[in-house]
Protein backbone atom coordinates (compact mmCIF):
# COMPACT_ATOMS: atom_id res chain seq x y z
CA GLY A 1 92.61 111.60 101.25
CA GLY A 2 89.03 112.74 101.20
CA GLY A 3 87.29 115.36 103.41
CA GLY A 4 90.37 117.31 104.34
CA GLY A 5 93.59 119.00 103.38
CA GLY A 6 95.45 115.68 102.93
CA TYR A 7 97.47 113.42 105.15
CA ILE A 8 100.95 113.43 106.68
CA VAL A 9 102.52 110.18 107.60
CA VAL A 10 105.30 109.99 110.10
CA GLY A 11 107.52 106.83 110.92
CA THR A 12 108.98 106.42 114.37
CA ALA A 13 111.27 104.03 116.37
CA HIS A 14 111.45 103.07 120.06
CA ILE A 15 115.11 103.30 120.88
CA LEU A 16 116.27 101.27 123.86
CA PRO A 17 119.88 101.35 125.15
CA ASP A 18 120.21 97.55 125.44
CA GLU A 19 119.02 96.85 121.85
CA PRO A 20 121.44 96.88 118.97
CA GLU A 21 118.55 97.57 116.61
CA PRO A 22 115.07 99.01 117.46
CA THR A 23 112.51 96.22 117.63
CA SER A 24 109.43 98.42 117.71
CA GLY A 25 108.04 101.56 116.16
CA ARG A 26 104.90 103.33 114.76
CA ILE A 27 103.47 104.73 111.70
CA LEU A 28 101.43 107.82 112.52
CA VAL A 29 98.75 109.16 110.14
CA PHE A 30 97.73 112.84 110.63
CA GLU A 31 95.04 114.57 108.80
CA LEU A 32 95.68 118.20 107.86
CA GLN A 33 92.56 120.26 108.50
CA GLU A 34 92.37 124.05 108.52
CA GLY A 35 96.05 124.46 109.48
CA SER A 36 96.16 121.82 112.22
CA LEU A 37 97.09 118.24 112.38
CA GLU A 38 94.76 115.61 113.89
CA LEU A 39 95.98 112.07 114.60
CA ARG A 40 93.76 109.62 112.55
CA HIS A 41 95.67 106.36 113.06
CA GLU A 42 98.50 104.69 114.76
CA ALA A 43 99.95 101.46 113.45
CA ALA A 44 102.52 99.51 115.58
CA VAL A 45 105.38 97.91 113.54
CA ARG A 46 108.22 95.56 114.45
CA GLY A 47 111.23 97.78 114.01
CA ALA A 48 112.21 101.25 113.21
CA VAL A 49 110.58 103.05 110.31
CA TYR A 50 113.53 104.29 108.26
CA SER A 51 111.62 105.39 105.11
CA LEU A 52 108.16 105.98 103.78
CA ALA A 53 106.85 106.49 100.19
CA GLU A 54 103.45 106.58 98.52
CA LEU A 55 103.04 103.83 95.92
CA SER A 56 99.70 105.05 94.60
CA SER A 57 96.60 106.61 96.10
CA GLY A 58 95.92 104.77 99.31
CA LEU A 59 99.06 102.61 99.23
CA LEU A 60 102.01 103.23 101.48
CA LEU A 61 105.49 101.73 101.39
CA ALA A 62 107.41 101.59 104.63
CA GLY A 63 111.07 100.55 105.19
CA VAL A 64 110.90 98.80 108.51
CA ASN A 65 114.40 97.52 109.60
CA ASN A 66 115.13 94.82 107.00
CA LYS A 67 111.69 94.64 105.44
CA LEU A 68 109.75 96.70 102.79
CA GLN A 69 106.08 96.68 103.86
CA LEU A 70 103.12 97.69 101.85
CA PHE A 71 100.21 99.12 103.66
CA GLU A 72 96.73 100.16 102.42
CA TRP A 73 94.82 102.97 103.89
CA GLU A 74 91.21 101.85 104.64
CA ALA A 75 89.43 105.28 105.04
CA GLY A 76 86.13 103.65 106.23
CA ALA A 77 87.93 102.25 109.26
CA PRO A 78 90.12 104.44 109.33
CA ARG A 79 93.30 102.44 109.51
CA LEU A 80 96.48 101.03 107.81
CA ALA A 81 96.25 97.37 106.82
CA LEU A 82 99.50 95.46 105.95
CA ARG A 83 98.93 93.95 102.53
CA ALA A 84 102.39 92.73 101.61
CA GLU A 85 106.15 92.64 102.54
CA HIS A 86 109.43 91.99 100.85
CA CYS A 87 112.16 90.58 103.11
CA GLY A 88 115.94 89.87 102.46
CA HIS A 89 117.29 93.34 102.89
CA ILE A 90 119.92 94.26 105.57
CA LEU A 91 118.36 97.64 106.43
CA VAL A 92 115.88 99.56 104.19
CA LEU A 93 117.00 103.17 104.27
CA TYR A 94 115.54 104.49 101.00
CA VAL A 95 112.34 103.85 99.20
CA GLN A 96 111.08 105.63 96.00
CA ALA A 97 108.14 104.70 93.76
CA ARG A 98 107.32 105.62 90.18
CA ALA A 99 104.22 104.02 88.64
CA ASP A 100 104.28 100.37 89.72
CA PHE A 101 108.12 100.35 90.13
CA ILE A 102 109.71 100.46 93.60
CA LEU A 103 113.42 101.33 94.16
CA VAL A 104 114.76 100.11 97.61
CA GLY A 105 118.04 101.50 98.89
CA ASP A 106 119.69 99.10 101.39
CA LEU A 107 122.48 99.86 103.93
CA MET A 108 124.74 97.06 102.52
CA LYS A 109 123.14 95.47 99.42
CA SER A 110 123.07 98.52 97.21
CA ILE A 111 119.64 98.90 95.43
CA THR A 112 116.84 96.61 94.41
CA LEU A 113 114.17 97.26 91.87
CA LEU A 114 110.76 95.73 92.39
CA GLN A 115 107.53 95.86 90.51
CA TRP A 116 104.05 95.88 92.12
């Protein structure tokens, strides 16, 4: 990101005892400035955020329950905007990106290779 020391992105989940799987969570975007973290944006998601990876500058991949979601960082706003999602997984536990290739590790369905 511009204007600071970079960003740290954290995925969360709201765990409720009566739910078998979390139905809500958040993606928190912190900016690192002079040794401290400042919350820049909070995006609500429908599920637990199990994994995060940067696809390219300004693009963030998030494994949210059974979906892989692609967000774009809009610095002028500043906010994360959902741009695309890939469904059909059981539980997205692992995401890794190289160039425009995306490797998705699923709880039950092994791995999936996607291209952006």
